[in-house]
PDB file of N, CA and C in Angstrom:
ATOM      1  N   MET A   1      59.083  53.468  -2.443  1.00  0.00           N
ATOM      2  CA  MET A   1      57.833  54.178  -2.673  1.00  0.00           C
ATOM      3  C   MET A   1      56.703  53.162  -2.847  1.00  0.00           C
ATOM      4  N   THR A   2      55.601  53.396  -2.194  1.00  0.00           N
ATOM      5  CA  THR A   2      54.445  52.517  -2.281  1.00  0.00           C
ATOM      6  C   THR A   2      53.661  52.818  -3.552  1.00  0.00           C
ATOM      7  N   GLN A   3      53.300  51.762  -4.243  1.00  0.00           N
ATOM      8  CA  GLN A   3      52.499  51.900  -5.465  1.00  0.00           C
ATOM      9  C   GLN A   3      51.040  52.162  -5.087  1.00  0.00           C
ATOM     10  N   PRO A   4      50.323  52.967  -5.869  1.00  0.00           N
ATOM     11  CA  PRO A   4      48.902  53.180  -5.605  1.00  0.00           C
ATOM     12  C   PRO A   4      48.087  51.917  -5.923  1.00  0.00           C
ATOM     13  N   LEU A   5      47.020  51.732  -5.181  1.00  0.00           N
ATOM     14  CA  LEU A   5      46.126  50.600  -5.392  1.00  0.00           C
ATOM     15  C   LEU A   5      45.342  50.790  -6.688  1.00  0.00           C
ATOM     16  N   ILE A   6      45.267  49.735  -7.466  1.00  0.00           N
ATOM     17  CA  ILE A   6      44.462  49.729  -8.686  1.00  0.00           C
ATOM     18  C   ILE A   6      43.226  48.875  -8.419  1.00  0.00           C
ATOM     19  N   SER A   7      42.057  49.405  -8.732  1.00  0.00           N
ATOM     20  CA  SER A   7      40.805  48.674  -8.573  1.00  0.00           C
ATOM     21  C   SER A   7      40.262  48.305  -9.942  1.00  0.00           C
ATOM     22  N   CYS A   8      39.993  47.017 -10.135  1.00  0.00           N
ATOM     23  CA  CYS A   8      39.370  46.542 -11.376  1.00  0.00           C
ATOM     24  C   CYS A   8      37.933  46.168 -11.036  1.00  0.00           C
ATOM     25  N   ILE A   9      36.999  46.844 -11.664  1.00  0.00           N
ATOM     26  CA  ILE A   9      35.586  46.593 -11.408  1.00  0.00           C
ATOM     27  C   ILE A   9      35.022  45.800 -12.581  1.00  0.00           C
ATOM     28  N   VAL A  10      34.438  44.642 -12.261  1.00  0.00           N
ATOM     29  CA  VAL A  10      33.912  43.748 -13.284  1.00  0.00           C
ATOM     30  C   VAL A  10      32.398  43.626 -13.081  1.00  0.00           C
ATOM     31  N   PRO A  11      31.601  44.354 -13.874  1.00  0.00           N
ATOM     32  CA  PRO A  11      30.151  44.188 -13.776  1.00  0.00           C
ATOM     33  C   PRO A  11      29.743  42.896 -14.494  1.00  0.00           C
ATOM     34  N   VAL A  12      28.814  42.154 -13.908  1.00  0.00           N
ATOM     35  CA  VAL A  12      28.425  40.878 -14.513  1.00  0.00           C
ATOM     36  C   VAL A  12      26.960  40.577 -14.243  1.00  0.00           C
ATOM     37  N   PHE A  13      26.305  40.023 -15.247  1.00  0.00           N
ATOM     38  CA  PHE A  13      24.959  39.476 -15.107  1.00  0.00           C
ATOM     39  C   PHE A  13      24.913  38.197 -15.917  1.00  0.00           C
ATOM     40  N   ASN A  14      24.761  37.083 -15.237  1.00  0.00           N
ATOM     41  CA  ASN A  14      24.758  35.765 -15.882  1.00  0.00           C
ATOM     42  C   ASN A  14      25.964  35.602 -16.816  1.00  0.00           C
ATOM     43  N   GLY A  15      27.124  35.958 -16.304  1.00  0.00           N
ATOM     44  CA  GLY A  15      28.338  35.905 -17.113  1.00  0.00           C
ATOM     45  C   GLY A  15      29.262  34.759 -16.761  1.00  0.00           C
ATOM     46  N   GLU A  16      28.718  33.709 -16.157  1.00  0.00           N
ATOM     47  CA  GLU A  16      29.537  32.570 -15.740  1.00  0.00           C
ATOM     48  C   GLU A  16      30.428  32.064 -16.879  1.00  0.00           C
ATOM     49  N   ARG A  17      29.906  32.052 -18.063  1.00  0.00           N
ATOM     50  CA  ARG A  17      30.633  31.517 -19.221  1.00  0.00           C
ATOM     51  C   ARG A  17      31.922  32.285 -19.511  1.00  0.00           C
ATOM     52  N   TYR A  18      31.946  33.577 -19.224  1.00  0.00           N
ATOM     53  CA  TYR A  18      33.086  34.423 -19.571  1.00  0.00           C
ATOM     54  C   TYR A  18      33.884  34.918 -18.374  1.00  0.00           C
ATOM     55  N   LEU A  19      33.345  34.757 -17.182  1.00  0.00           N
ATOM     56  CA  LEU A  19      33.938  35.381 -16.007  1.00  0.00           C
ATOM     57  C   LEU A  19      35.310  34.816 -15.645  1.00  0.00           C
ATOM     58  N   THR A  20      35.504  33.525 -15.770  1.00  0.00           N
ATOM     59  CA  THR A  20      36.808  32.941 -15.452  1.00  0.00           C
ATOM     60  C   THR A  20      37.898  33.575 -16.311  1.00  0.00           C
ATOM     61  N   GLU A  21      37.649  33.688 -17.591  1.00  0.00           N
ATOM     62  CA  GLU A  21      38.639  34.278 -18.496  1.00  0.00           C
ATOM     63  C   GLU A  21      38.931  35.732 -18.105  1.00  0.00           C
ATOM     64  N   ALA A  22      37.906  36.471 -17.749  1.00  0.00           N
ATOM     65  CA  ALA A  22      38.090  37.875 -17.365  1.00  0.00           C
ATOM     66  C   ALA A  22      38.896  37.989 -16.075  1.00  0.00           C
ATOM     67  N   LEU A  23      38.540  37.199 -15.062  1.00  0.00           N
ATOM     68  CA  LEU A  23      39.253  37.270 -13.785  1.00  0.00           C
ATOM     69  C   LEU A  23      40.692  36.790 -13.916  1.00  0.00           C
ATOM     70  N   GLU A  24      40.907  35.730 -14.654  1.00  0.00           N
ATOM     71  CA  GLU A  24      42.272  35.225 -14.848  1.00  0.00           C
ATOM     72  C   GLU A  24      43.138  36.251 -15.572  1.00  0.00           C
ATOM     73  N   SER A  25      42.561  36.941 -16.517  1.00  0.00           N
ATOM     74  CA  SER A  25      43.295  37.980 -17.234  1.00  0.00           C
ATOM     75  C   SER A  25      43.738  39.087 -16.284  1.00  0.00           C
ATOM     76  N   ILE A  26      42.846  39.484 -15.391  1.00  0.00           N
ATOM     77  CA  ILE A  26      43.188  40.522 -14.417  1.00  0.00           C
ATOM     78  C   ILE A  26      44.262  40.016 -13.461  1.00  0.00           C
ATOM     79  N   LEU A  27      44.097  38.784 -12.964  1.00  0.00           N
ATOM     80  CA  LEU A  27      45.047  38.231 -12.002  1.00  0.00           C
ATOM     81  C   LEU A  27      46.440  38.022 -12.593  1.00  0.00           C
ATOM     82  N   LYS A  28      46.537  37.872 -13.896  1.00  0.00           N
ATOM     83  CA  LYS A  28      47.840  37.672 -14.542  1.00  0.00           C
ATOM     84  C   LYS A  28      48.633  38.970 -14.698  1.00  0.00           C
ATOM     85  N   GLN A  29      48.000  40.079 -14.431  1.00  0.00           N
ATOM     86  CA  GLN A  29      48.717  41.353 -14.531  1.00  0.00           C
ATOM     87  C   GLN A  29      49.815  41.398 -13.474  1.00  0.00           C
ATOM     88  N   THR A  30      50.906  42.032 -13.782  1.00  0.00           N
ATOM     89  CA  THR A  30      52.034  42.061 -12.850  1.00  0.00           C
ATOM     90  C   THR A  30      51.969  43.229 -11.878  1.00  0.00           C
ATOM     91  N   TYR A  31      51.151  44.201 -12.142  1.00  0.00           N
ATOM     92  CA  TYR A  31      51.060  45.361 -11.259  1.00  0.00           C
ATOM     93  C   TYR A  31      50.399  44.958  -9.941  1.00  0.00           C
ATOM     94  N   ARG A  32      50.976  45.396  -8.847  1.00  0.00           N
ATOM     95  CA  ARG A  32      50.407  45.213  -7.517  1.00  0.00           C
ATOM     96  C   ARG A  32      50.618  46.494  -6.741  1.00  0.00           C
ATOM     97  N   PRO A  33      49.773  46.874  -5.815  1.00  0.00           N
ATOM     98  CA  PRO A  33      48.607  46.160  -5.300  1.00  0.00           C
ATOM     99  C   PRO A  33      47.400  46.292  -6.230  1.00  0.00           C
ATOM    100  N   LEU A  34      46.576  45.280  -6.183  1.00  0.00           N
ATOM    101  CA  LEU A  34      45.438  45.168  -7.087  1.00  0.00           C
ATOM    102  C   LEU A  34      44.243  44.635  -6.316  1.00  0.00           C
ATOM    103  N   GLU A  35      43.083  45.218  -6.548  1.00  0.00           N
ATOM    104  CA  GLU A  35      41.851  44.648  -5.990  1.00  0.00           C
ATOM    105  C   GLU A  35      40.880  44.436  -7.137  1.00  0.00           C
ATOM    106  N   ILE A  36      40.095  43.375  -7.022  1.00  0.00           N
ATOM    107  CA  ILE A  36      39.085  43.067  -8.034  1.00  0.00           C
ATOM    108  C   ILE A  36      37.729  43.123  -7.355  1.00  0.00           C
ATOM    109  N   ILE A  37      36.836  43.904  -7.930  1.00  0.00           N
ATOM    110  CA  ILE A  37      35.480  44.032  -7.408  1.00  0.00           C
ATOM    111  C   ILE A  37      34.532  43.495  -8.480  1.00  0.00           C
ATOM    112  N   VAL A  38      33.819  42.425  -8.158  1.00  0.00           N
ATOM    113  CA  VAL A  38      32.842  41.857  -9.077  1.00  0.00           C
ATOM    114  C   VAL A  38      31.469  42.369  -8.645  1.00  0.00           C
ATOM    115  N   ALA A  39      30.801  43.116  -9.525  1.00  0.00           N
ATOM    116  CA  ALA A  39      29.464  43.644  -9.253  1.00  0.00           C
ATOM    117  C   ALA A  39      28.453  42.747  -9.966  1.00  0.00           C
ATOM    118  N   ASP A  40      27.857  41.839  -9.201  1.00  0.00           N
ATOM    119  CA  ASP A  40      26.911  40.870  -9.750  1.00  0.00           C
ATOM    120  C   ASP A  40      25.494  41.441  -9.659  1.00  0.00           C
ATOM    121  N   ASP A  41      24.865  41.620 -10.799  1.00  0.00           N
ATOM    122  CA  ASP A  41      23.539  42.235 -10.864  1.00  0.00           C
ATOM    123  C   ASP A  41      22.423  41.188 -10.826  1.00  0.00           C
ATOM    124  N   GLY A  42      22.466  40.310  -9.818  1.00  0.00           N
ATOM    125  CA  GLY A  42      21.382  39.344  -9.639  1.00  0.00           C
ATOM    126  C   GLY A  42      21.453  38.149 -10.562  1.00  0.00           C
ATOM    127  N   SER A  43      22.641  37.699 -10.888  1.00  0.00           N
ATOM    128  CA  SER A  43      22.793  36.543 -11.782  1.00  0.00           C
ATOM    129  C   SER A  43      22.059  35.322 -11.247  1.00  0.00           C
ATOM    130  N   THR A  44      21.509  34.548 -12.165  1.00  0.00           N
ATOM    131  CA  THR A  44      20.816  33.311 -11.794  1.00  0.00           C
ATOM    132  C   THR A  44      21.574  32.081 -12.268  1.00  0.00           C
ATOM    133  N   ASP A  45      22.747  32.281 -12.861  1.00  0.00           N
ATOM    134  CA  ASP A  45      23.580  31.153 -13.272  1.00  0.00           C
ATOM    135  C   ASP A  45      24.588  30.885 -12.149  1.00  0.00           C
ATOM    136  N   GLY A  46      25.708  30.311 -12.446  1.00  0.00           N
ATOM    137  CA  GLY A  46      26.707  29.958 -11.436  1.00  0.00           C
ATOM    138  C   GLY A  46      27.733  31.036 -11.166  1.00  0.00           C
ATOM    139  N   THR A  47      27.425  32.272 -11.472  1.00  0.00           N
ATOM    140  CA  THR A  47      28.384  33.368 -11.289  1.00  0.00           C
ATOM    141  C   THR A  47      28.867  33.469  -9.846  1.00  0.00           C
ATOM    142  N   ALA A  48      27.967  33.474  -8.893  1.00  0.00           N
ATOM    143  CA  ALA A  48      28.355  33.627  -7.479  1.00  0.00           C
ATOM    144  C   ALA A  48      29.234  32.474  -7.020  1.00  0.00           C
ATOM    145  N   THR A  49      28.911  31.270  -7.428  1.00  0.00           N
ATOM    146  CA  THR A  49      29.711  30.100  -7.059  1.00  0.00           C
ATOM    147  C   THR A  49      31.095  30.191  -7.668  1.00  0.00           C
ATOM    148  N   LEU A  50      31.166  30.632  -8.894  1.00  0.00           N
ATOM    149  CA  LEU A  50      32.449  30.770  -9.575  1.00  0.00           C
ATOM    150  C   LEU A  50      33.346  31.772  -8.852  1.00  0.00           C
ATOM    151  N   VAL A  51      32.804  32.915  -8.493  1.00  0.00           N
ATOM    152  CA  VAL A  51      33.591  33.929  -7.784  1.00  0.00           C
ATOM    153  C   VAL A  51      34.039  33.391  -6.432  1.00  0.00           C
ATOM    154  N   ALA A  52      33.152  32.708  -5.739  1.00  0.00           N
ATOM    155  CA  ALA A  52      33.491  32.139  -4.429  1.00  0.00           C
ATOM    156  C   ALA A  52      34.601  31.095  -4.535  1.00  0.00           C
ATOM    157  N   SER A  53      34.714  30.454  -5.677  1.00  0.00           N
ATOM    158  CA  SER A  53      35.735  29.413  -5.852  1.00  0.00           C
ATOM    159  C   SER A  53      37.153  29.977  -5.877  1.00  0.00           C
ATOM    160  N   TYR A  54      37.285  31.285  -5.983  1.00  0.00           N
ATOM    161  CA  TYR A  54      38.611  31.898  -5.978  1.00  0.00           C
ATOM    162  C   TYR A  54      39.207  31.944  -4.577  1.00  0.00           C
ATOM    163  N   GLY A  55      38.451  31.505  -3.597  1.00  0.00           N
ATOM    164  CA  GLY A  55      38.996  31.305  -2.259  1.00  0.00           C
ATOM    165  C   GLY A  55      39.144  32.545  -1.422  1.00  0.00           C
ATOM    166  N   ASP A  56      40.339  33.113  -1.385  1.00  0.00           N
ATOM    167  CA  ASP A  56      40.671  34.217  -0.490  1.00  0.00           C
ATOM    168  C   ASP A  56      39.693  35.365  -0.665  1.00  0.00           C
ATOM    169  N   PRO A  57      38.825  35.590   0.333  1.00  0.00           N
ATOM    170  CA  PRO A  57      37.838  36.670   0.189  1.00  0.00           C
ATOM    171  C   PRO A  57      38.458  38.055   0.100  1.00  0.00           C
ATOM    172  N   GLY A  58      39.726  38.192   0.476  1.00  0.00           N
ATOM    173  CA  GLY A  58      40.377  39.488   0.396  1.00  0.00           C
ATOM    174  C   GLY A  58      40.849  39.850  -0.993  1.00  0.00           C
ATOM    175  N   SER A  59      40.951  38.873  -1.883  1.00  0.00           N
ATOM    176  CA  SER A  59      41.482  39.156  -3.210  1.00  0.00           C
ATOM    177  C   SER A  59      40.413  39.592  -4.202  1.00  0.00           C
ATOM    178  N   ILE A  60      39.208  39.090  -4.021  1.00  0.00           N
ATOM    179  CA  ILE A  60      38.107  39.445  -4.917  1.00  0.00           C
ATOM    180  C   ILE A  60      36.888  39.782  -4.068  1.00  0.00           C
ATOM    181  N   SER A  61      36.379  40.985  -4.219  1.00  0.00           N
ATOM    182  CA  SER A  61      35.181  41.405  -3.506  1.00  0.00           C
ATOM    183  C   SER A  61      33.970  41.228  -4.418  1.00  0.00           C
ATOM    184  N   VAL A  62      32.856  40.868  -3.823  1.00  0.00           N
ATOM    185  CA  VAL A  62      31.629  40.692  -4.600  1.00  0.00           C
ATOM    186  C   VAL A  62      30.579  41.664  -4.084  1.00  0.00           C
ATOM    187  N   SER A  63      30.002  42.413  -5.000  1.00  0.00           N
ATOM    188  CA  SER A  63      28.899  43.300  -4.676  1.00  0.00           C
ATOM    189  C   SER A  63      27.679  42.813  -5.445  1.00  0.00           C
ATOM    190  N   THR A  64      26.592  42.558  -4.741  1.00  0.00           N
ATOM    191  CA  THR A  64      25.380  42.086  -5.417  1.00  0.00           C
ATOM    192  C   THR A  64      24.323  43.169  -5.371  1.00  0.00           C
ATOM    193  N   THR A  65      23.566  43.257  -6.458  1.00  0.00           N
ATOM    194  CA  THR A  65      22.494  44.245  -6.519  1.00  0.00           C
ATOM    195  C   THR A  65      21.199  43.567  -6.875  1.00  0.00           C
TER     196      THR A  65
END
């Protein structure tokens, strides 16, 4: 039986300081399939660079507003 997809939505604004801890916590979960959607509300810190550093664009989606 196929497991249903779980979507984790992480809203962020200038959250570079805390975002790594939040994303790592989600990635450590054992449930799969899992998608992570980061909704960046125009951050001016290094949030976008941090999310991009996770590499595989299929594992973490970024939505900017």
